[in-house]
Amino acid sequence: ASFDAQRQRLSEGGVRDTLSFNQLSEMNTMFPTYPEQEK
């Protein structure tokens, strides 16, 4: 849901919401240590 909420906020309007790499880059993500990510 975190990704989806940010996608909706950052996507440009228009017929189809588009998401450029620059907009994707602006998203915040939470992540743990690498071993926990792997798990």
All heavy atoms as atom14 arrays in JSON, in Angstrom:
{
  "sequence": "ASFDAQRQRLSEGGVRDTLSFNQLSEMNTMFPTYPEQEK",
  "atom14_mask": [
    [1, 1, 1, 1, 1, 0, 0, 0, 0, 0, 0, 0, 0, 0],
    [1, 1, 1, 1, 1, 1, 0, 0, 0, 0, 0, 0, 0, 0],
    [1, 1, 1, 1, 1, 1, 1, 1, 1, 1, 1, 0, 0, 0],
    [1, 1, 1, 1, 1, 1, 1, 1, 0, 0, 0, 0, 0, 0],
    [1, 1, 1, 1, 1, 0, 0, 0, 0, 0, 0, 0, 0, 0],
    [1, 1, 1, 1, 1, 1, 1, 1, 1, 0, 0, 0, 0, 0],
    [1, 1, 1, 1, 1, 1, 1, 1, 1, 1, 1, 0, 0, 0],
    [1, 1, 1, 1, 1, 1, 1, 1, 1, 0, 0, 0, 0, 0],
    [1, 1, 1, 1, 1, 1, 1, 1, 1, 1, 1, 0, 0, 0],
    [1, 1, 1, 1, 1, 1, 1, 1, 0, 0, 0, 0, 0, 0],
    [1, 1, 1, 1, 1, 1, 0, 0, 0, 0, 0, 0, 0, 0],
    [1, 1, 1, 1, 1, 1, 1, 1, 1, 0, 0, 0, 0, 0],
    [1, 1, 1, 1, 0, 0, 0, 0, 0, 0, 0, 0, 0, 0],
    [1, 1, 1, 1, 0, 0, 0, 0, 0, 0, 0, 0, 0, 0],
    [1, 1, 1, 1, 1, 1, 1, 0, 0, 0, 0, 0, 0, 0],
    [1, 1, 1, 1, 1, 1, 1, 1, 1, 1, 1, 0, 0, 0],
    [1, 1, 1, 1, 1, 1, 1, 1, 0, 0, 0, 0, 0, 0],
    [1, 1, 1, 1, 1, 1, 1, 0, 0, 0, 0, 0, 0, 0],
    [1, 1, 1, 1, 1, 1, 1, 1, 0, 0, 0, 0, 0, 0],
    [1, 1, 1, 1, 1, 1, 0, 0, 0, 0, 0, 0, 0, 0],
    [1, 1, 1, 1, 1, 1, 1, 1, 1, 1, 1, 0, 0, 0],
    [1, 1, 1, 1, 1, 1, 1, 1, 0, 0, 0, 0, 0, 0],
    [1, 1, 1, 1, 1, 1, 1, 1, 1, 0, 0, 0, 0, 0],
    [1, 1, 1, 1, 1, 1, 1, 1, 0, 0, 0, 0, 0, 0],
    [1, 1, 1, 1, 1, 1, 0, 0, 0, 0, 0, 0, 0, 0],
    [1, 1, 1, 1, 1, 1, 1, 1, 1, 0, 0, 0, 0, 0],
    [1, 1, 1, 1, 1, 1, 1, 1, 0, 0, 0, 0, 0, 0],
    [1, 1, 1, 1, 1, 1, 1, 1, 0, 0, 0, 0, 0, 0],
    [1, 1, 1, 1, 1, 1, 1, 0, 0, 0, 0, 0, 0, 0],
    [1, 1, 1, 1, 1, 1, 1, 1, 0, 0, 0, 0, 0, 0],
    [1, 1, 1, 1, 1, 1, 1, 1, 1, 1, 1, 0, 0, 0],
    [1, 1, 1, 1, 1, 1, 1, 0, 0, 0, 0, 0, 0, 0],
    [1, 1, 1, 1, 1, 1, 1, 0, 0, 0, 0, 0, 0, 0],
    [1, 1, 1, 1, 1, 1, 1, 1, 1, 1, 1, 1, 0, 0],
    [1, 1, 1, 1, 1, 1, 1, 0, 0, 0, 0, 0, 0, 0],
    [1, 1, 1, 1, 1, 1, 1, 1, 1, 0, 0, 0, 0, 0],
    [1, 1, 1, 1, 1, 1, 1, 1, 1, 0, 0, 0, 0, 0],
    [1, 1, 1, 1, 1, 1, 1, 1, 1, 0, 0, 0, 0, 0],
    [1, 1, 1, 1, 1, 1, 1, 1, 1, 0, 0, 0, 0, 0]
  ],
  "atom14_positions": [
    [[0.84, -1.21, 0.0], [0.0, 0.0, 0.0], [0.87, 1.25, 0.0], [0.49, 2.28, -0.57], [-0.9, -0.02, 1.23], [0.0, 0.0, 0.0], [0.0, 0.0, 0.0], [0.0, 0.0, 0.0], [0.0, 0.0, 0.0], [0.0, 0.0, 0.0], [0.0, 0.0, 0.0], [0.0, 0.0, 0.0], [0.0, 0.0, 0.0], [0.0, 0.0, 0.0]],
    [[2.05, 1.18, 0.62], [2.95, 2.33, 0.69], [3.38, 2.75, -0.73], [3.34, 3.92, -1.08], [4.18, 1.98, 1.52], [5.18, 2.96, 1.34], [0.0, 0.0, 0.0], [0.0, 0.0, 0.0], [0.0, 0.0, 0.0], [0.0, 0.0, 0.0], [0.0, 0.0, 0.0], [0.0, 0.0, 0.0], [0.0, 0.0, 0.0], [0.0, 0.0, 0.0]],
    [[3.78, 1.76, -1.53], [4.16, 2.07, -2.92], [2.97, 2.64, -3.67], [3.07, 3.65, -4.37], [4.68, 0.82, -3.65], [4.77, 1.01, -5.14], [5.75, 1.81, -5.7], [3.83, 0.42, -5.99], [5.81, 2.02, -7.08], [3.89, 0.62, -7.36], [4.89, 1.42, -7.91], [0.0, 0.0, 0.0], [0.0, 0.0, 0.0], [0.0, 0.0, 0.0]],
    [[1.81, 2.0, -3.52], [0.64, 2.41, -4.29], [0.2, 3.84, -3.96], [-0.15, 4.61, -4.84], [-0.5, 1.42, -4.06], [-1.42, 1.36, -5.26], [-0.89, 1.23, -6.39], [-2.64, 1.48, -5.09], [0.0, 0.0, 0.0], [0.0, 0.0, 0.0], [0.0, 0.0, 0.0], [0.0, 0.0, 0.0], [0.0, 0.0, 0.0], [0.0, 0.0, 0.0]],
    [[0.23, 4.17, -2.68], [-0.18, 5.53, -2.26], [0.77, 6.57, -2.85], [0.33, 7.62, -3.35], [-0.2, 5.61, -0.74], [0.0, 0.0, 0.0], [0.0, 0.0, 0.0], [0.0, 0.0, 0.0], [0.0, 0.0, 0.0], [0.0, 0.0, 0.0], [0.0, 0.0, 0.0], [0.0, 0.0, 0.0], [0.0, 0.0, 0.0], [0.0, 0.0, 0.0]],
    [[2.07, 6.27, -2.83], [3.04, 7.23, -3.38], [2.92, 7.32, -4.9], [3.06, 8.39, -5.48], [4.46, 6.82, -2.98], [4.72, 6.94, -1.48], [6.18, 6.68, -1.14], [7.04, 7.52, -1.38], [6.46, 5.49, -0.61], [0.0, 0.0, 0.0], [0.0, 0.0, 0.0], [0.0, 0.0, 0.0], [0.0, 0.0, 0.0], [0.0, 0.0, 0.0]],
    [[2.65, 6.17, -5.53], [2.48, 6.17, -6.99], [1.32, 7.07, -7.39], [1.43, 7.88, -8.31], [2.24, 4.74, -7.5], [2.01, 4.65, -9.0], [1.37, 3.35, -9.41], [0.09, 3.1, -8.8], [-1.04, 3.75, -9.12], [-1.04, 4.72, -10.01], [-2.17, 3.45, -8.51], [0.0, 0.0, 0.0], [0.0, 0.0, 0.0], [0.0, 0.0, 0.0]],
    [[0.21, 6.94, -6.66], [-0.97, 7.76, -6.98], [-0.66, 9.24, -6.81], [-1.07, 10.07, -7.6], [-2.14, 7.37, -6.08], [-2.8, 6.07, -6.53], [-3.94, 5.65, -5.61], [-4.46, 6.44, -4.86], [-4.31, 4.39, -5.67], [0.0, 0.0, 0.0], [0.0, 0.0, 0.0], [0.0, 0.0, 0.0], [0.0, 0.0, 0.0], [0.0, 0.0, 0.0]],
    [[0.11, 9.56, -5.75], [0.4, 10.96, -5.46], [1.35, 11.56, -6.5], [1.21, 12.7, -6.92], [1.01, 11.05, -4.05], [1.16, 12.47, -3.52], [1.46, 12.46, -2.02], [2.53, 11.56, -1.63], [3.83, 11.8, -1.8], [4.22, 12.91, -2.37], [4.74, 10.92, -1.41], [0.0, 0.0, 0.0], [0.0, 0.0, 0.0], [0.0, 0.0, 0.0]],
    [[2.33, 10.76, -6.93], [3.37, 11.28, -7.82], [3.02, 11.19, -9.3], [3.59, 11.89, -10.12], [4.69, 10.52, -7.58], [5.38, 10.79, -6.24], [6.4, 9.7, -5.96], [6.07, 12.15, -6.24], [0.0, 0.0, 0.0], [0.0, 0.0, 0.0], [0.0, 0.0, 0.0], [0.0, 0.0, 0.0], [0.0, 0.0, 0.0], [0.0, 0.0, 0.0]],
    [[2.1, 10.27, -9.65], [1.78, 10.07, -11.07], [1.19, 11.34, -11.67], [0.39, 12.03, -11.04], [0.75, 8.95, -11.22], [1.35, 7.72, -10.99], [0.0, 0.0, 0.0], [0.0, 0.0, 0.0], [0.0, 0.0, 0.0], [0.0, 0.0, 0.0], [0.0, 0.0, 0.0], [0.0, 0.0, 0.0], [0.0, 0.0, 0.0], [0.0, 0.0, 0.0]],
    [[1.57, 11.59, -12.89], [0.97, 12.73, -13.59], [-0.43, 12.34, -14.0], [-0.7, 11.17, -14.24], [1.81, 13.07, -14.83], [3.16, 13.64, -14.47], [4.11, 13.68, -15.65], [3.73, 13.27, -16.75], [5.24, 14.12, -15.43], [0.0, 0.0, 0.0], [0.0, 0.0, 0.0], [0.0, 0.0, 0.0], [0.0, 0.0, 0.0], [0.0, 0.0, 0.0]],
    [[-1.28, 13.35, -14.14], [-2.67, 13.09, -14.54], [-2.76, 12.6, -15.97], [-1.84, 11.98, -16.48], [0.0, 0.0, 0.0], [0.0, 0.0, 0.0], [0.0, 0.0, 0.0], [0.0, 0.0, 0.0], [0.0, 0.0, 0.0], [0.0, 0.0, 0.0], [0.0, 0.0, 0.0], [0.0, 0.0, 0.0], [0.0, 0.0, 0.0], [0.0, 0.0, 0.0]],
    [[-3.85, 12.9, -16.63], [-4.02, 12.42, -18.0], [-4.87, 11.17, -18.0], [-5.36, 10.74, -16.96], [0.0, 0.0, 0.0], [0.0, 0.0, 0.0], [0.0, 0.0, 0.0], [0.0, 0.0, 0.0], [0.0, 0.0, 0.0], [0.0, 0.0, 0.0], [0.0, 0.0, 0.0], [0.0, 0.0, 0.0], [0.0, 0.0, 0.0], [0.0, 0.0, 0.0]],
    [[-5.04, 10.61, -19.18], [-5.92, 9.45, -19.32], [-5.37, 8.27, -18.51], [-6.07, 7.62, -17.77], [-6.07, 9.04, -20.8], [-7.05, 7.88, -20.93], [-6.54, 10.23, -21.62], [0.0, 0.0, 0.0], [0.0, 0.0, 0.0], [0.0, 0.0, 0.0], [0.0, 0.0, 0.0], [0.0, 0.0, 0.0], [0.0, 0.0, 0.0], [0.0, 0.0, 0.0]],
    [[-4.08, 8.04, -18.68], [-3.44, 6.99, -17.88], [-2.41, 7.66, -17.0], [-1.56, 8.42, -17.48], [-2.71, 6.01, -18.8], [-3.6, 4.91, -19.31], [-2.75, 3.92, -20.07], [-3.53, 2.77, -20.47], [-3.15, 1.94, -21.42], [-2.03, 2.12, -22.04], [-3.9, 0.9, -21.74], [0.0, 0.0, 0.0], [0.0, 0.0, 0.0], [0.0, 0.0, 0.0]],
    [[-2.47, 7.38, -15.71], [-1.45, 7.94, -14.82], [-0.1, 7.37, -15.22], [0.07, 6.17, -15.26], [-1.75, 7.53, -13.37], [-3.07, 8.1, -12.9], [-3.47, 9.12, -13.46], [-3.68, 7.52, -11.98], [0.0, 0.0, 0.0], [0.0, 0.0, 0.0], [0.0, 0.0, 0.0], [0.0, 0.0, 0.0], [0.0, 0.0, 0.0], [0.0, 0.0, 0.0]],
    [[0.86, 8.24, -15.5], [2.19, 7.74, -15.85], [3.16, 8.02, -14.72], [2.97, 8.97, -13.95], [2.73, 8.42, -17.14], [2.76, 9.82, -16.9], [1.87, 8.11, -18.34], [0.0, 0.0, 0.0], [0.0, 0.0, 0.0], [0.0, 0.0, 0.0], [0.0, 0.0, 0.0], [0.0, 0.0, 0.0], [0.0, 0.0, 0.0], [0.0, 0.0, 0.0]],
    [[4.17, 7.17, -14.61], [5.17, 7.32, -13.55], [6.55, 7.24, -14.18], [6.98, 6.18, -14.61], [4.98, 6.21, -12.5], [5.88, 6.32, -11.27], [5.37, 7.38, -10.31], [5.98, 4.98, -10.55], [0.0, 0.0, 0.0], [0.0, 0.0, 0.0], [0.0, 0.0, 0.0], [0.0, 0.0, 0.0], [0.0, 0.0, 0.0], [0.0, 0.0, 0.0]],
    [[7.25, 8.38, -14.24], [8.59, 8.4, -14.83], [9.62, 7.87, -13.82], [9.3, 7.71, -12.64], [8.96, 9.84, -15.2], [9.1, 10.6, -14.0], [0.0, 0.0, 0.0], [0.0, 0.0, 0.0], [0.0, 0.0, 0.0], [0.0, 0.0, 0.0], [0.0, 0.0, 0.0], [0.0, 0.0, 0.0], [0.0, 0.0, 0.0], [0.0, 0.0, 0.0]],
    [[10.84, 7.63, -14.29], [11.89, 7.17, -13.37], [12.18, 8.25, -12.33], [12.43, 7.95, -11.16], [13.16, 6.79, -14.13], [14.24, 6.27, -13.22], [14.14, 5.01, -12.64], [15.36, 7.06, -12.9], [15.11, 4.53, -11.76], [16.34, 6.58, -12.04], [16.22, 5.31, -11.47], [0.0, 0.0, 0.0], [0.0, 0.0, 0.0], [0.0, 0.0, 0.0]],
    [[12.15, 9.51, -12.75], [12.4, 10.61, -11.79], [11.37, 10.61, -10.67], [11.7, 10.86, -9.51], [12.39, 11.97, -12.51], [13.63, 12.13, -13.37], [14.61, 11.4, -13.19], [13.61, 13.07, -14.3], [0.0, 0.0, 0.0], [0.0, 0.0, 0.0], [0.0, 0.0, 0.0], [0.0, 0.0, 0.0], [0.0, 0.0, 0.0], [0.0, 0.0, 0.0]],
    [[10.11, 10.37, -11.05], [9.06, 10.34, -10.03], [9.24, 9.12, -9.11], [9.08, 9.24, -7.9], [7.68, 10.29, -10.7], [7.32, 11.61, -11.36], [6.15, 11.46, -12.3], [6.07, 10.49, -13.05], [5.25, 12.41, -12.27], [0.0, 0.0, 0.0], [0.0, 0.0, 0.0], [0.0, 0.0, 0.0], [0.0, 0.0, 0.0], [0.0, 0.0, 0.0]],
    [[9.59, 7.99, -9.7], [9.84, 6.78, -8.9], [10.98, 7.06, -7.9], [10.91, 6.67, -6.73], [10.22, 5.61, -9.82], [10.58, 4.3, -9.13], [9.35, 3.64, -8.5], [11.23, 3.32, -10.11], [0.0, 0.0, 0.0], [0.0, 0.0, 0.0], [0.0, 0.0, 0.0], [0.0, 0.0, 0.0], [0.0, 0.0, 0.0], [0.0, 0.0, 0.0]],
    [[12.0, 7.77, -8.38], [13.18, 8.07, -7.54], [12.84, 8.92, -6.32], [13.55, 8.89, -5.32], [14.24, 8.82, -8.36], [14.58, 8.06, -9.48], [0.0, 0.0, 0.0], [0.0, 0.0, 0.0], [0.0, 0.0, 0.0], [0.0, 0.0, 0.0], [0.0, 0.0, 0.0], [0.0, 0.0, 0.0], [0.0, 0.0, 0.0], [0.0, 0.0, 0.0]],
    [[11.76, 9.67, -6.43], [11.34, 10.54, -5.33], [10.61, 9.79, -4.22], [10.32, 10.35, -3.16], [10.43, 11.66, -5.86], [11.16, 12.77, -6.6], [12.33, 13.34, -5.77], [12.08, 13.8, -4.64], [13.48, 13.28, -6.24], [0.0, 0.0, 0.0], [0.0, 0.0, 0.0], [0.0, 0.0, 0.0], [0.0, 0.0, 0.0], [0.0, 0.0, 0.0]],
    [[10.27, 8.52, -4.47], [9.53, 7.76, -3.46], [10.43, 7.43, -2.27], [11.63, 7.22, -2.42], [9.02, 6.44, -4.05], [7.87, 6.64, -4.99], [7.14, 5.02, -5.38], [5.96, 5.49, -6.62], [0.0, 0.0, 0.0], [0.0, 0.0, 0.0], [0.0, 0.0, 0.0], [0.0, 0.0, 0.0], [0.0, 0.0, 0.0], [0.0, 0.0, 0.0]],
    [[9.79, 7.37, -1.09], [10.5, 6.93, 0.12], [10.21, 5.46, 0.35], [9.08, 5.03, 0.17], [10.0, 7.71, 1.34], [10.35, 9.19, 1.23], [11.48, 9.53, 0.93], [9.36, 10.05, 1.45], [0.0, 0.0, 0.0], [0.0, 0.0, 0.0], [0.0, 0.0, 0.0], [0.0, 0.0, 0.0], [0.0, 0.0, 0.0], [0.0, 0.0, 0.0]],
    [[11.24, 4.74, 0.75], [11.0, 3.35, 1.14], [11.68, 3.07, 2.47], [12.71, 3.66, 2.77], [11.5, 2.36, 0.06], [11.17, 1.03, 0.48], [12.99, 2.44, -0.17], [0.0, 0.0, 0.0], [0.0, 0.0, 0.0], [0.0, 0.0, 0.0], [0.0, 0.0, 0.0], [0.0, 0.0, 0.0], [0.0, 0.0, 0.0], [0.0, 0.0, 0.0]],
    [[11.07, 2.19, 3.23], [11.66, 1.74, 4.49], [12.3, 0.38, 4.21], [11.68, -0.46, 3.56], [10.58, 1.55, 5.55], [9.75, 2.76, 5.86], [10.59, 3.9, 6.96], [10.71, 2.98, 8.47], [0.0, 0.0, 0.0], [0.0, 0.0, 0.0], [0.0, 0.0, 0.0], [0.0, 0.0, 0.0], [0.0, 0.0, 0.0], [0.0, 0.0, 0.0]],
    [[13.53, 0.19, 4.69], [14.11, -1.14, 4.48], [14.99, -1.52, 5.68], [15.59, -0.67, 6.32], [14.89, -1.21, 3.17], [16.08, -0.29, 3.09], [17.36, -0.76, 3.32], [15.91, 1.06, 2.78], [18.46, 0.08, 3.24], [17.0, 1.91, 2.71], [18.29, 1.43, 2.95], [0.0, 0.0, 0.0], [0.0, 0.0, 0.0], [0.0, 0.0, 0.0]],
    [[15.03, -2.84, 5.98], [15.83, -3.33, 7.11], [17.25, -3.69, 6.66], [17.64, -3.4, 5.53], [15.05, -4.59, 7.51], [14.5, -5.11, 6.23], [14.26, -3.92, 5.34], [0.0, 0.0, 0.0], [0.0, 0.0, 0.0], [0.0, 0.0, 0.0], [0.0, 0.0, 0.0], [0.0, 0.0, 0.0], [0.0, 0.0, 0.0], [0.0, 0.0, 0.0]],
    [[17.98, -4.36, 7.53], [19.33, -4.84, 7.18], [19.21, -5.85, 6.03], [18.15, -6.46, 5.84], [19.99, -5.55, 8.38], [19.15, -6.66, 8.74], [20.16, -4.61, 9.56], [0.0, 0.0, 0.0], [0.0, 0.0, 0.0], [0.0, 0.0, 0.0], [0.0, 0.0, 0.0], [0.0, 0.0, 0.0], [0.0, 0.0, 0.0], [0.0, 0.0, 0.0]],
    [[20.31, -6.06, 5.3], [20.28, -6.93, 4.12], [19.84, -8.35, 4.47], [18.99, -8.92, 3.76], [21.64, -6.93, 3.41], [21.51, -7.4, 1.98], [21.16, -6.51, 0.96], [21.68, -8.74, 1.65], [21.01, -6.93, -0.35], [21.52, -9.18, 0.33], [21.18, -8.27, -0.65], [21.01, -8.69, -1.94], [0.0, 0.0, 0.0], [0.0, 0.0, 0.0]],
    [[20.33, -8.96, 5.58], [19.88, -10.33, 5.89], [18.36, -10.41, 6.11], [17.73, -11.4, 5.7], [20.64, -10.67, 7.19], [21.83, -9.77, 7.18], [21.4, -8.51, 6.49], [0.0, 0.0, 0.0], [0.0, 0.0, 0.0], [0.0, 0.0, 0.0], [0.0, 0.0, 0.0], [0.0, 0.0, 0.0], [0.0, 0.0, 0.0], [0.0, 0.0, 0.0]],
    [[17.77, -9.37, 6.71], [16.32, -9.39, 6.92], [15.58, -9.22, 5.59], [14.57, -9.88, 5.34], [15.9, -8.31, 7.93], [14.44, -8.47, 8.36], [13.98, -7.52, 9.47], [14.8, -6.71, 9.97], [12.79, -7.6, 9.84], [0.0, 0.0, 0.0], [0.0, 0.0, 0.0], [0.0, 0.0, 0.0], [0.0, 0.0, 0.0], [0.0, 0.0, 0.0]],
    [[16.12, -8.35, 4.73], [15.53, -8.19, 3.39], [15.51, -9.54, 2.65], [14.52, -9.91, 2.03], [16.35, -7.21, 2.55], [16.28, -5.76, 2.96], [17.16, -4.91, 2.04], [17.12, -5.06, 0.81], [17.96, -4.04, 2.62], [0.0, 0.0, 0.0], [0.0, 0.0, 0.0], [0.0, 0.0, 0.0], [0.0, 0.0, 0.0], [0.0, 0.0, 0.0]],
    [[16.66, -10.25, 2.74], [16.76, -11.55, 2.06], [15.7, -12.53, 2.56], [15.06, -13.22, 1.77], [18.15, -12.17, 2.31], [19.19, -11.7, 1.33], [20.51, -12.44, 1.55], [20.93, -12.61, 2.72], [21.12, -12.85, 0.55], [0.0, 0.0, 0.0], [0.0, 0.0, 0.0], [0.0, 0.0, 0.0], [0.0, 0.0, 0.0], [0.0, 0.0, 0.0]],
    [[15.52, -12.56, 3.88], [14.52, -13.45, 4.5], [13.13, -13.12, 3.96], [12.36, -14.02, 3.6], [14.51, -13.24, 6.03], [15.57, -14.01, 6.76], [14.95, -15.23, 7.41], [15.88, -15.89, 8.39], [15.51, -17.24, 8.71], [0.0, 0.0, 0.0], [0.0, 0.0, 0.0], [0.0, 0.0, 0.0], [0.0, 0.0, 0.0], [0.0, 0.0, 0.0]]
  ]
}
